[in-house]
């Protein structure tokens, strides 16, 4: 087994990345990162395509769940701030917002709203204050798009080789490219990446 190979540990029923040996054991790391664990080298075997895919999807879902637990999404429910009559700064920022809105520049429009609300808090005692509420949401994998696997060679003393497998629909394809590249170049170090497409769904 080469470092980075995906193997299945029947004792823990998990797929892990082979890291190397530690005494009588082999060290495996969870797909997507995490704490390594020891496994019996006589029991581990190469992971099947289905097992690799499941482990990759599980890693993405775990990252999404972590984001759900730590994120604090805010959605504006109040009206945008309105200028205070007679205030030149309020009027100027409101005009700036109107110009951005007229040209379809949503980013500039939001910037003007933020500046106007901040000015009103500081100069007008909180006039134009906006109300926010928490809105629950979930990030789920897009079933209409297949995940992608890719490997890039980072071997080299002064600079990375840079050769890459390109996006692959199956982890075995990326690993086969690694095997061929190592055979041709003797390079052994790769950076592997997994990508999928996600959809954010607001929950009422």
N, C-alpha and C. Protein backbone atom coordinates (compact mmCIF):
# COMPACT_ATOMS: atom_id res chain seq x y z
N UNK A 1 0.84 -1.20 0.00
CA UNK A 1 0.00 0.00 0.00
C UNK A 1 0.88 1.25 0.00
N UNK A 2 0.49 2.23 -0.81
CA UNK A 2 1.20 3.49 -0.86
C UNK A 2 0.49 4.52 0.01
N UNK A 3 1.24 5.45 0.59
CA UNK A 3 0.60 6.50 1.39
C UNK A 3 -0.46 7.23 0.58
N UNK A 4 -1.62 7.41 1.20
CA UNK A 4 -2.72 8.07 0.52
C UNK A 4 -3.72 7.12 -0.09
N UNK A 5 -3.37 5.81 -0.20
CA UNK A 5 -4.30 4.83 -0.76
C UNK A 5 -5.51 4.69 0.16
N UNK A 6 -6.68 4.51 -0.43
CA UNK A 6 -7.89 4.32 0.36
C UNK A 6 -8.10 2.84 0.63
N UNK A 7 -8.22 2.50 1.90
CA UNK A 7 -8.39 1.11 2.31
C UNK A 7 -9.59 1.00 3.25
N UNK A 8 -10.09 -0.21 3.37
CA UNK A 8 -11.25 -0.47 4.25
C UNK A 8 -10.79 -1.27 5.47
N UNK A 9 -11.17 -0.77 6.64
CA UNK A 9 -10.85 -1.44 7.89
C UNK A 9 -12.11 -2.13 8.41
N UNK A 10 -12.21 -3.45 8.31
CA UNK A 10 -13.43 -4.15 8.72
C UNK A 10 -13.69 -4.07 10.22
N UNK A 11 -12.65 -3.85 11.01
CA UNK A 11 -12.86 -3.77 12.46
C UNK A 11 -13.66 -2.53 12.83
N UNK A 12 -13.35 -1.40 12.20
CA UNK A 12 -14.08 -0.17 12.49
C UNK A 12 -15.17 0.11 11.47
N UNK A 13 -15.17 -0.69 10.38
CA UNK A 13 -16.13 -0.51 9.28
C UNK A 13 -16.02 0.88 8.67
N UNK A 14 -14.77 1.35 8.51
CA UNK A 14 -14.53 2.67 7.95
C UNK A 14 -13.48 2.60 6.85
N UNK A 15 -13.60 3.54 5.91
CA UNK A 15 -12.58 3.73 4.88
C UNK A 15 -11.60 4.78 5.37
N UNK A 16 -10.31 4.53 5.20
CA UNK A 16 -9.30 5.48 5.63
C UNK A 16 -8.17 5.60 4.63
N UNK A 17 -7.42 6.68 4.75
CA UNK A 17 -6.24 6.88 3.92
C UNK A 17 -5.03 6.25 4.61
N UNK A 18 -4.37 5.38 3.91
CA UNK A 18 -3.19 4.71 4.46
C UNK A 18 -2.08 5.73 4.66
N UNK A 19 -1.55 5.81 5.89
CA UNK A 19 -0.48 6.76 6.21
C UNK A 19 0.89 6.11 6.32
N UNK A 20 0.93 4.86 6.77
CA UNK A 20 2.20 4.18 6.97
C UNK A 20 2.08 3.19 8.11
N UNK A 21 3.22 2.64 8.50
CA UNK A 21 3.23 1.65 9.59
C UNK A 21 3.67 2.29 10.89
N UNK A 22 3.16 1.73 11.97
CA UNK A 22 3.57 2.11 13.31
C UNK A 22 3.67 0.83 14.13
N UNK A 23 4.86 0.29 14.19
CA UNK A 23 5.04 -1.00 14.86
C UNK A 23 4.30 -2.08 14.10
N UNK A 24 3.50 -2.87 14.81
CA UNK A 24 2.77 -3.95 14.14
C UNK A 24 1.49 -3.49 13.45
N UNK A 25 1.20 -2.21 13.53
CA UNK A 25 -0.06 -1.70 12.99
C UNK A 25 0.19 -0.82 11.75
N UNK A 26 -0.89 -0.57 11.03
CA UNK A 26 -0.87 0.45 9.99
C UNK A 26 -1.71 1.61 10.48
N UNK A 27 -1.32 2.82 10.09
CA UNK A 27 -2.03 4.01 10.53
C UNK A 27 -2.94 4.49 9.40
N UNK A 28 -4.21 4.72 9.73
CA UNK A 28 -5.20 5.19 8.78
C UNK A 28 -5.76 6.52 9.25
N UNK A 29 -6.08 7.37 8.29
CA UNK A 29 -6.67 8.66 8.60
C UNK A 29 -8.03 8.77 7.94
N UNK A 30 -9.04 9.33 8.60
CA UNK A 30 -10.36 9.46 7.99
C UNK A 30 -10.30 10.25 6.68
N UNK A 31 -11.14 9.88 5.74
CA UNK A 31 -11.24 10.63 4.49
C UNK A 31 -11.74 12.04 4.81
N UNK A 32 -11.04 13.04 4.32
CA UNK A 32 -11.40 14.41 4.62
C UNK A 32 -10.68 14.98 5.81
N UNK A 33 -9.86 14.16 6.49
CA UNK A 33 -9.08 14.63 7.63
C UNK A 33 -9.68 14.20 8.95
N UNK A 34 -8.86 14.22 9.97
CA UNK A 34 -9.31 13.82 11.29
C UNK A 34 -8.23 13.04 12.01
N UNK A 35 -8.60 12.46 13.13
CA UNK A 35 -7.64 11.75 13.97
C UNK A 35 -7.35 10.37 13.39
N UNK A 36 -6.07 10.03 13.30
CA UNK A 36 -5.66 8.73 12.76
C UNK A 36 -6.01 7.61 13.75
N UNK A 37 -6.11 6.39 13.21
CA UNK A 37 -6.32 5.24 14.07
C UNK A 37 -5.46 4.07 13.60
N UNK A 38 -5.24 3.14 14.52
CA UNK A 38 -4.43 1.96 14.22
C UNK A 38 -5.32 0.84 13.69
N UNK A 39 -4.79 0.10 12.73
CA UNK A 39 -5.54 -1.00 12.14
C UNK A 39 -4.62 -2.20 11.96
N UNK A 40 -5.22 -3.37 11.94
CA UNK A 40 -4.48 -4.61 11.75
C UNK A 40 -4.16 -4.77 10.26
N UNK A 41 -2.88 -4.80 9.87
CA UNK A 41 -2.54 -4.90 8.45
C UNK A 41 -3.03 -6.18 7.80
N UNK A 42 -3.30 -7.21 8.61
CA UNK A 42 -3.77 -8.47 8.04
C UNK A 42 -5.25 -8.40 7.66
N UNK A 43 -5.96 -7.38 8.18
CA UNK A 43 -7.39 -7.28 7.93
C UNK A 43 -7.75 -6.24 6.89
N UNK A 44 -6.98 -5.17 6.81
CA UNK A 44 -7.35 -4.09 5.88
C UNK A 44 -7.20 -4.55 4.44
N UNK A 45 -8.00 -3.97 3.58
CA UNK A 45 -7.97 -4.29 2.15
C UNK A 45 -8.26 -3.03 1.36
N UNK A 46 -8.00 -3.06 0.08
CA UNK A 46 -8.29 -1.91 -0.78
C UNK A 46 -9.80 -1.65 -0.77
N UNK A 47 -10.17 -0.40 -0.66
CA UNK A 47 -11.59 -0.04 -0.64
C UNK A 47 -12.19 -0.18 -2.04
N UNK A 48 -13.43 -0.62 -2.07
CA UNK A 48 -14.12 -0.72 -3.35
C UNK A 48 -14.53 0.67 -3.82
N UNK A 49 -14.92 0.76 -5.08
CA UNK A 49 -15.36 2.04 -5.63
C UNK A 49 -16.54 2.59 -4.85
N UNK A 50 -17.49 1.74 -4.51
CA UNK A 50 -18.67 2.17 -3.76
C UNK A 50 -18.27 2.66 -2.37
N UNK A 51 -17.34 1.98 -1.72
CA UNK A 51 -16.89 2.39 -0.39
C UNK A 51 -16.17 3.73 -0.44
N UNK A 52 -15.38 3.94 -1.49
CA UNK A 52 -14.67 5.22 -1.63
C UNK A 52 -15.64 6.37 -1.83
N UNK A 53 -16.63 6.13 -2.69
CA UNK A 53 -17.62 7.17 -2.96
C UNK A 53 -18.40 7.51 -1.70
N UNK A 54 -18.82 6.48 -0.97
CA UNK A 54 -19.58 6.71 0.27
C UNK A 54 -18.77 7.49 1.28
N UNK A 55 -17.46 7.15 1.39
CA UNK A 55 -16.60 7.86 2.34
C UNK A 55 -16.42 9.31 1.94
N UNK A 56 -16.30 9.57 0.63
CA UNK A 56 -16.16 10.95 0.17
C UNK A 56 -17.40 11.77 0.44
N UNK A 57 -18.55 11.20 0.15
CA UNK A 57 -19.81 11.90 0.40
C UNK A 57 -20.00 12.14 1.90
N UNK A 58 -19.64 11.14 2.70
CA UNK A 58 -19.79 11.29 4.16
C UNK A 58 -18.90 12.43 4.67
N UNK A 59 -17.68 12.54 4.12
CA UNK A 59 -16.78 13.61 4.54
C UNK A 59 -17.36 14.98 4.21
N UNK A 60 -17.96 15.10 3.02
CA UNK A 60 -18.58 16.37 2.62
C UNK A 60 -19.76 16.69 3.54
N UNK A 61 -20.58 15.69 3.84
CA UNK A 61 -21.73 15.91 4.72
C UNK A 61 -21.29 16.30 6.12
N UNK A 62 -20.19 15.71 6.60
CA UNK A 62 -19.68 16.06 7.92
C UNK A 62 -19.24 17.51 7.96
N UNK A 63 -18.57 17.96 6.87
CA UNK A 63 -18.15 19.36 6.82
C UNK A 63 -19.36 20.28 6.78
N UNK A 64 -20.40 19.88 6.05
CA UNK A 64 -21.61 20.69 5.97
C UNK A 64 -22.29 20.77 7.34
N UNK A 65 -22.33 19.64 8.06
CA UNK A 65 -22.94 19.62 9.39
C UNK A 65 -22.17 20.52 10.33
N UNK A 66 -20.84 20.51 10.24
CA UNK A 66 -20.03 21.38 11.08
C UNK A 66 -20.36 22.84 10.80
N UNK A 67 -20.55 23.16 9.52
CA UNK A 67 -20.93 24.52 9.16
C UNK A 67 -22.27 24.90 9.73
N UNK A 68 -23.22 23.94 9.72
CA UNK A 68 -24.55 24.22 10.27
C UNK A 68 -24.48 24.50 11.76
N UNK A 69 -23.59 23.80 12.46
CA UNK A 69 -23.49 23.95 13.91
C UNK A 69 -22.81 25.25 14.30
N UNK A 70 -21.95 25.78 13.42
CA UNK A 70 -21.18 26.96 13.78
C UNK A 70 -21.68 28.22 13.11
N UNK A 71 -22.44 28.09 12.03
CA UNK A 71 -22.88 29.28 11.30
C UNK A 71 -23.99 29.99 12.04
N UNK A 72 -24.07 31.27 11.80
CA UNK A 72 -25.15 32.07 12.37
C UNK A 72 -25.79 32.85 11.23
N UNK A 73 -26.60 32.20 10.42
CA UNK A 73 -27.18 32.88 9.26
C UNK A 73 -28.19 33.95 9.69
N UNK A 74 -28.11 35.09 9.06
CA UNK A 74 -29.03 36.18 9.34
C UNK A 74 -29.70 36.59 8.05
N UNK A 75 -30.99 36.80 8.08
CA UNK A 75 -31.74 37.23 6.91
C UNK A 75 -32.48 38.51 7.27
N UNK A 76 -32.34 39.52 6.44
CA UNK A 76 -32.98 40.80 6.73
C UNK A 76 -34.49 40.69 6.52
N UNK A 77 -35.25 41.16 7.49
CA UNK A 77 -36.71 41.13 7.35
C UNK A 77 -37.31 42.52 7.43
N UNK A 78 -36.52 43.52 7.84
CA UNK A 78 -37.02 44.87 7.92
C UNK A 78 -36.73 45.64 6.64
N UNK A 79 -37.31 46.82 6.50
CA UNK A 79 -37.09 47.63 5.30
C UNK A 79 -35.68 48.21 5.30
N UNK A 80 -35.14 48.59 4.13
CA UNK A 80 -33.83 49.23 4.08
C UNK A 80 -33.90 50.59 4.76
N UNK A 81 -32.78 51.08 5.27
CA UNK A 81 -32.80 52.37 5.98
C UNK A 81 -33.15 53.52 5.05
N UNK A 82 -33.91 54.47 5.56
CA UNK A 82 -34.31 55.63 4.78
C UNK A 82 -33.57 56.85 5.31
N UNK A 83 -33.23 57.81 4.43
CA UNK A 83 -32.48 58.99 4.86
C UNK A 83 -33.28 59.87 5.82
N UNK A 84 -32.57 60.46 6.75
CA UNK A 84 -33.19 61.40 7.67
C UNK A 84 -33.30 62.75 6.97
N UNK A 85 -34.47 63.34 7.00
CA UNK A 85 -34.72 64.62 6.33
C UNK A 85 -33.76 65.69 6.81
N UNK A 86 -33.12 66.38 5.85
CA UNK A 86 -32.23 67.48 6.19
C UNK A 86 -30.78 67.07 6.40
N UNK A 87 -30.47 65.78 6.38
CA UNK A 87 -29.10 65.31 6.60
C UNK A 87 -28.44 65.09 5.23
N UNK A 88 -27.37 65.83 4.95
CA UNK A 88 -26.70 65.74 3.66
C UNK A 88 -26.04 64.37 3.47
N UNK A 89 -25.48 63.81 4.55
CA UNK A 89 -24.83 62.50 4.44
C UNK A 89 -25.85 61.41 4.12
N UNK A 90 -26.99 61.44 4.80
CA UNK A 90 -28.06 60.48 4.53
C UNK A 90 -28.51 60.59 3.07
N UNK A 91 -28.71 61.82 2.62
CA UNK A 91 -29.18 62.04 1.25
C UNK A 91 -28.16 61.52 0.24
N UNK A 92 -26.88 61.79 0.48
CA UNK A 92 -25.85 61.34 -0.44
C UNK A 92 -25.76 59.82 -0.52
N UNK A 93 -25.85 59.15 0.62
CA UNK A 93 -25.80 57.69 0.62
C UNK A 93 -27.04 57.09 -0.01
N UNK A 94 -28.20 57.71 0.21
CA UNK A 94 -29.43 57.22 -0.41
C UNK A 94 -29.36 57.36 -1.93
N UNK A 95 -28.81 58.49 -2.41
CA UNK A 95 -28.66 58.67 -3.85
C UNK A 95 -27.68 57.65 -4.43
N UNK A 96 -26.62 57.39 -3.69
CA UNK A 96 -25.65 56.37 -4.12
C UNK A 96 -26.32 55.00 -4.23
N UNK A 97 -27.17 54.69 -3.26
CA UNK A 97 -27.90 53.42 -3.30
C UNK A 97 -28.84 53.37 -4.50
N UNK A 98 -29.53 54.47 -4.78
CA UNK A 98 -30.47 54.51 -5.89
C UNK A 98 -29.76 54.31 -7.23
N UNK A 99 -28.57 54.91 -7.37
CA UNK A 99 -27.81 54.74 -8.61
C UNK A 99 -27.39 53.29 -8.79
N UNK A 100 -26.95 52.67 -7.70
CA UNK A 100 -26.54 51.27 -7.78
C UNK A 100 -27.72 50.37 -8.13
N UNK A 101 -28.88 50.67 -7.53
CA UNK A 101 -30.08 49.89 -7.81
C UNK A 101 -30.51 50.04 -9.26
N UNK A 102 -30.37 51.25 -9.79
CA UNK A 102 -30.78 51.51 -11.17
C UNK A 102 -29.90 50.77 -12.18
N UNK A 103 -28.63 50.55 -11.82
CA UNK A 103 -27.71 49.85 -12.73
C UNK A 103 -27.63 48.36 -12.45
N UNK A 104 -28.39 47.89 -11.46
CA UNK A 104 -28.39 46.46 -11.14
C UNK A 104 -27.16 46.01 -10.38
N UNK A 105 -26.45 46.93 -9.73
CA UNK A 105 -25.25 46.58 -8.96
C UNK A 105 -25.67 46.28 -7.52
N UNK A 106 -26.01 45.01 -7.27
CA UNK A 106 -26.50 44.63 -5.94
C UNK A 106 -25.47 44.80 -4.85
N UNK A 107 -24.19 44.56 -5.17
CA UNK A 107 -23.13 44.70 -4.16
C UNK A 107 -23.00 46.15 -3.72
N UNK A 108 -22.99 47.07 -4.68
CA UNK A 108 -22.87 48.49 -4.34
C UNK A 108 -24.11 48.97 -3.59
N UNK A 109 -25.27 48.43 -3.94
CA UNK A 109 -26.50 48.80 -3.24
C UNK A 109 -26.44 48.38 -1.78
N UNK A 110 -25.96 47.16 -1.55
CA UNK A 110 -25.83 46.68 -0.17
C UNK A 110 -24.81 47.50 0.60
N UNK A 111 -23.69 47.84 -0.05
CA UNK A 111 -22.68 48.67 0.62
C UNK A 111 -23.28 50.01 1.06
N UNK A 112 -24.07 50.61 0.19
CA UNK A 112 -24.68 51.90 0.53
C UNK A 112 -25.65 51.74 1.69
N UNK A 113 -26.41 50.64 1.72
CA UNK A 113 -27.34 50.39 2.83
C UNK A 113 -26.58 50.26 4.15
N UNK A 114 -25.48 49.52 4.10
CA UNK A 114 -24.69 49.32 5.32
C UNK A 114 -24.12 50.63 5.82
N UNK A 115 -23.57 51.44 4.92
CA UNK A 115 -23.01 52.73 5.31
C UNK A 115 -24.09 53.66 5.86
N UNK A 116 -25.26 53.64 5.23
CA UNK A 116 -26.36 54.49 5.68
C UNK A 116 -26.84 54.08 7.07
N UNK A 117 -26.99 52.77 7.28
CA UNK A 117 -27.43 52.29 8.60
C UNK A 117 -26.40 52.62 9.67
N UNK A 118 -25.10 52.48 9.34
CA UNK A 118 -24.05 52.79 10.31
C UNK A 118 -24.05 54.29 10.65
N UNK A 119 -24.18 55.11 9.63
CA UNK A 119 -24.23 56.56 9.85
C UNK A 119 -25.41 56.93 10.75
N UNK A 120 -26.56 56.31 10.51
CA UNK A 120 -27.74 56.63 11.31
C UNK A 120 -27.59 56.18 12.75
N UNK A 121 -26.94 55.04 12.96
CA UNK A 121 -26.72 54.59 14.34
C UNK A 121 -25.83 55.56 15.09
N UNK A 122 -24.79 56.07 14.41
CA UNK A 122 -23.83 56.93 15.07
C UNK A 122 -24.31 58.38 15.22
N UNK A 123 -25.03 58.86 14.21
CA UNK A 123 -25.38 60.28 14.19
C UNK A 123 -26.83 60.58 14.53
N UNK A 124 -27.70 59.60 14.38
CA UNK A 124 -29.12 59.87 14.59
C UNK A 124 -29.75 58.96 15.64
N UNK A 125 -28.93 58.43 16.52
CA UNK A 125 -29.46 57.65 17.63
C UNK A 125 -30.16 56.38 17.23
N UNK A 126 -29.68 55.73 16.16
CA UNK A 126 -30.26 54.43 15.78
C UNK A 126 -31.39 54.52 14.81
N UNK A 127 -31.64 55.67 14.22
CA UNK A 127 -32.71 55.77 13.23
C UNK A 127 -32.42 54.83 12.07
N UNK A 128 -33.44 54.23 11.57
CA UNK A 128 -33.26 53.33 10.44
C UNK A 128 -32.72 51.97 10.84
N UNK A 129 -32.81 51.65 12.11
CA UNK A 129 -32.29 50.35 12.56
C UNK A 129 -33.05 49.22 11.88
N UNK A 130 -32.34 48.17 11.48
CA UNK A 130 -32.96 47.05 10.79
C UNK A 130 -33.09 45.85 11.72
N UNK A 131 -34.10 45.06 11.46
CA UNK A 131 -34.38 43.88 12.28
C UNK A 131 -33.90 42.63 11.57
N UNK A 132 -33.29 41.72 12.31
CA UNK A 132 -32.80 40.47 11.75
C UNK A 132 -33.39 39.31 12.54
N UNK A 133 -33.50 38.20 11.88
CA UNK A 133 -33.93 36.99 12.58
C UNK A 133 -33.13 35.81 12.04
N UNK A 134 -33.04 34.77 12.82
CA UNK A 134 -32.36 33.56 12.41
C UNK A 134 -33.29 32.74 11.51
N UNK A 135 -32.73 32.23 10.46
CA UNK A 135 -33.49 31.39 9.55
C UNK A 135 -32.74 30.05 9.43
N UNK A 136 -33.35 28.93 9.81
CA UNK A 136 -32.66 27.64 9.69
C UNK A 136 -32.47 27.26 8.22
N UNK A 137 -31.37 26.59 7.96
CA UNK A 137 -31.11 26.16 6.60
C UNK A 137 -30.32 24.85 6.64
N UNK A 138 -30.24 24.22 5.51
CA UNK A 138 -29.46 22.98 5.39
C UNK A 138 -28.72 23.03 4.07
N UNK A 139 -27.50 22.50 4.07
CA UNK A 139 -26.71 22.39 2.84
C UNK A 139 -26.70 20.91 2.47
N UNK A 140 -27.23 20.61 1.30
CA UNK A 140 -27.33 19.22 0.86
C UNK A 140 -26.63 19.03 -0.47
N UNK A 141 -26.21 17.82 -0.71
CA UNK A 141 -25.53 17.52 -1.97
C UNK A 141 -26.53 17.59 -3.12
N UNK A 142 -26.09 18.19 -4.22
CA UNK A 142 -26.93 18.31 -5.41
C UNK A 142 -26.98 16.97 -6.13
N UNK A 143 -28.13 16.29 -6.14
CA UNK A 143 -28.19 14.96 -6.75
C UNK A 143 -28.06 14.99 -8.27
N UNK A 144 -28.18 16.17 -8.87
CA UNK A 144 -28.11 16.24 -10.33
C UNK A 144 -26.68 16.37 -10.84
N UNK A 145 -25.70 16.53 -9.94
CA UNK A 145 -24.31 16.69 -10.36
C UNK A 145 -23.44 15.64 -9.66
N UNK A 146 -22.61 14.95 -10.41
CA UNK A 146 -21.75 13.92 -9.86
C UNK A 146 -20.52 14.54 -9.20
N UNK A 147 -20.03 13.94 -8.13
CA UNK A 147 -18.81 14.44 -7.49
C UNK A 147 -17.60 14.21 -8.40
N UNK A 148 -16.53 14.94 -8.12
CA UNK A 148 -15.32 14.85 -8.92
C UNK A 148 -14.11 14.57 -8.03
N UNK A 149 -13.19 13.79 -8.54
CA UNK A 149 -11.96 13.46 -7.85
C UNK A 149 -10.79 13.91 -8.73
N UNK A 150 -9.74 14.42 -8.09
CA UNK A 150 -8.60 14.90 -8.87
C UNK A 150 -7.32 14.72 -8.06
N UNK A 151 -6.23 14.42 -8.76
CA UNK A 151 -4.92 14.28 -8.13
C UNK A 151 -3.93 15.18 -8.87
N UNK A 152 -3.04 15.82 -8.09
CA UNK A 152 -2.01 16.66 -8.69
C UNK A 152 -0.68 16.32 -8.06
N UNK A 153 0.35 16.15 -8.89
CA UNK A 153 1.67 15.77 -8.41
C UNK A 153 2.35 16.97 -7.78
N UNK A 154 2.77 16.83 -6.51
CA UNK A 154 3.48 17.89 -5.81
C UNK A 154 4.90 17.46 -5.45
N UNK A 155 5.42 16.49 -6.19
CA UNK A 155 6.80 16.07 -5.99
C UNK A 155 7.74 17.10 -6.59
N UNK A 156 8.93 17.18 -6.05
CA UNK A 156 9.93 18.11 -6.56
C UNK A 156 10.63 18.82 -5.44
N UNK A 157 11.91 19.13 -5.64
CA UNK A 157 12.71 19.80 -4.62
C UNK A 157 12.50 21.31 -4.63
N UNK A 158 12.65 21.92 -5.81
CA UNK A 158 12.54 23.37 -5.91
C UNK A 158 11.12 23.83 -6.25
N UNK A 159 10.41 23.04 -7.01
CA UNK A 159 9.04 23.39 -7.41
C UNK A 159 8.24 22.12 -7.63
N UNK A 160 6.93 22.22 -7.44
CA UNK A 160 6.07 21.06 -7.66
C UNK A 160 6.08 20.66 -9.13
N UNK A 161 5.92 19.36 -9.37
CA UNK A 161 5.81 18.87 -10.74
C UNK A 161 4.62 19.52 -11.43
N UNK A 162 3.46 19.54 -10.75
CA UNK A 162 2.30 20.23 -11.29
C UNK A 162 1.42 19.42 -12.21
N UNK A 163 1.85 18.22 -12.60
CA UNK A 163 1.02 17.40 -13.48
C UNK A 163 -0.24 16.99 -12.74
N UNK A 164 -1.35 16.91 -13.47
CA UNK A 164 -2.62 16.58 -12.82
C UNK A 164 -3.44 15.60 -13.61
N UNK A 165 -4.30 14.90 -12.92
CA UNK A 165 -5.17 13.91 -13.55
C UNK A 165 -6.34 14.55 -14.26
N UNK A 166 -6.69 15.79 -13.86
CA UNK A 166 -7.91 16.40 -14.34
C UNK A 166 -9.09 15.81 -13.58
N UNK A 167 -10.27 16.41 -13.66
CA UNK A 167 -11.44 15.90 -12.93
C UNK A 167 -11.80 14.48 -13.37
N UNK A 168 -12.04 13.62 -12.40
CA UNK A 168 -12.41 12.22 -12.68
C UNK A 168 -13.73 11.92 -11.97
N UNK A 169 -14.54 11.13 -12.60
CA UNK A 169 -15.82 10.78 -12.00
C UNK A 169 -15.74 9.64 -11.01
N UNK A 170 -14.57 9.00 -10.91
CA UNK A 170 -14.40 7.85 -10.03
C UNK A 170 -13.03 7.97 -9.38
N UNK A 171 -12.93 7.73 -8.04
CA UNK A 171 -11.61 7.83 -7.39
C UNK A 171 -10.60 6.86 -7.96
N UNK A 172 -11.08 5.73 -8.49
CA UNK A 172 -10.15 4.76 -9.06
C UNK A 172 -9.43 5.32 -10.28
N UNK A 173 -10.11 6.20 -11.04
CA UNK A 173 -9.47 6.80 -12.21
C UNK A 173 -8.31 7.70 -11.79
N UNK A 174 -8.53 8.48 -10.73
CA UNK A 174 -7.46 9.35 -10.25
C UNK A 174 -6.29 8.53 -9.71
N UNK A 175 -6.59 7.44 -9.03
CA UNK A 175 -5.53 6.60 -8.49
C UNK A 175 -4.76 5.89 -9.61
N UNK A 176 -5.46 5.51 -10.66
CA UNK A 176 -4.78 4.89 -11.79
C UNK A 176 -3.84 5.89 -12.46
N UNK A 177 -4.29 7.14 -12.56
CA UNK A 177 -3.41 8.16 -13.12
C UNK A 177 -2.17 8.33 -12.25
N UNK A 178 -2.33 8.32 -10.92
CA UNK A 178 -1.19 8.43 -10.01
C UNK A 178 -0.21 7.28 -10.24
N UNK A 179 -0.76 6.07 -10.39
CA UNK A 179 0.11 4.91 -10.59
C UNK A 179 0.93 5.06 -11.86
N UNK A 180 0.27 5.46 -12.95
CA UNK A 180 0.98 5.62 -14.22
C UNK A 180 2.01 6.73 -14.14
N UNK A 181 1.66 7.83 -13.48
CA UNK A 181 2.59 8.96 -13.39
C UNK A 181 3.82 8.57 -12.58
N UNK A 182 3.59 7.85 -11.48
CA UNK A 182 4.72 7.39 -10.67
C UNK A 182 5.60 6.44 -11.47
N UNK A 183 4.98 5.58 -12.24
CA UNK A 183 5.73 4.63 -13.06
C UNK A 183 6.60 5.37 -14.09
N UNK A 184 6.08 6.46 -14.63
CA UNK A 184 6.81 7.20 -15.67
C UNK A 184 7.86 8.16 -15.11
N UNK A 185 7.59 8.72 -13.93
CA UNK A 185 8.45 9.79 -13.42
C UNK A 185 9.15 9.47 -12.11
N UNK A 186 8.73 8.44 -11.40
CA UNK A 186 9.22 8.11 -10.07
C UNK A 186 8.76 9.12 -9.01
N UNK A 187 7.83 9.98 -9.37
CA UNK A 187 7.26 10.89 -8.38
C UNK A 187 6.27 10.13 -7.50
N UNK A 188 6.24 10.47 -6.21
CA UNK A 188 5.40 9.68 -5.30
C UNK A 188 4.49 10.52 -4.42
N UNK A 189 4.56 11.84 -4.53
CA UNK A 189 3.76 12.67 -3.63
C UNK A 189 2.69 13.41 -4.42
N UNK A 190 1.43 13.29 -3.94
CA UNK A 190 0.31 13.87 -4.66
C UNK A 190 -0.61 14.63 -3.71
N UNK A 191 -1.25 15.62 -4.25
CA UNK A 191 -2.32 16.32 -3.53
C UNK A 191 -3.63 15.89 -4.16
N UNK A 192 -4.50 15.30 -3.35
CA UNK A 192 -5.76 14.79 -3.87
C UNK A 192 -6.91 15.65 -3.38
N UNK A 193 -7.89 15.83 -4.22
CA UNK A 193 -9.03 16.66 -3.84
C UNK A 193 -10.33 16.00 -4.29
N UNK A 194 -11.36 16.28 -3.51
CA UNK A 194 -12.70 15.78 -3.79
C UNK A 194 -13.62 16.98 -3.83
N UNK A 195 -14.46 17.06 -4.84
CA UNK A 195 -15.38 18.19 -4.95
C UNK A 195 -16.75 17.68 -5.36
N UNK A 196 -17.76 18.32 -4.81
CA UNK A 196 -19.12 18.03 -5.25
C UNK A 196 -19.90 19.33 -5.30
N UNK A 197 -21.15 19.26 -5.65
CA UNK A 197 -21.99 20.43 -5.77
C UNK A 197 -23.06 20.39 -4.69
N UNK A 198 -23.26 21.51 -4.06
CA UNK A 198 -24.18 21.58 -2.92
C UNK A 198 -25.24 22.64 -3.17
N UNK A 199 -26.38 22.43 -2.53
CA UNK A 199 -27.50 23.36 -2.63
C UNK A 199 -27.89 23.78 -1.22
N UNK A 200 -28.07 25.09 -1.01
CA UNK A 200 -28.51 25.58 0.29
C UNK A 200 -30.03 25.68 0.27
N UNK A 201 -30.67 25.02 1.21
CA UNK A 201 -32.12 25.01 1.29
C UNK A 201 -32.56 25.68 2.59
N UNK A 202 -33.37 26.73 2.48
CA UNK A 202 -33.92 27.37 3.67
C UNK A 202 -35.06 26.52 4.21
N UNK A 203 -35.09 26.38 5.51
CA UNK A 203 -36.14 25.59 6.17
C UNK A 203 -37.03 26.52 6.97
N UNK A 204 -38.31 26.38 6.74
CA UNK A 204 -39.25 27.24 7.47
C UNK A 204 -39.49 26.68 8.87
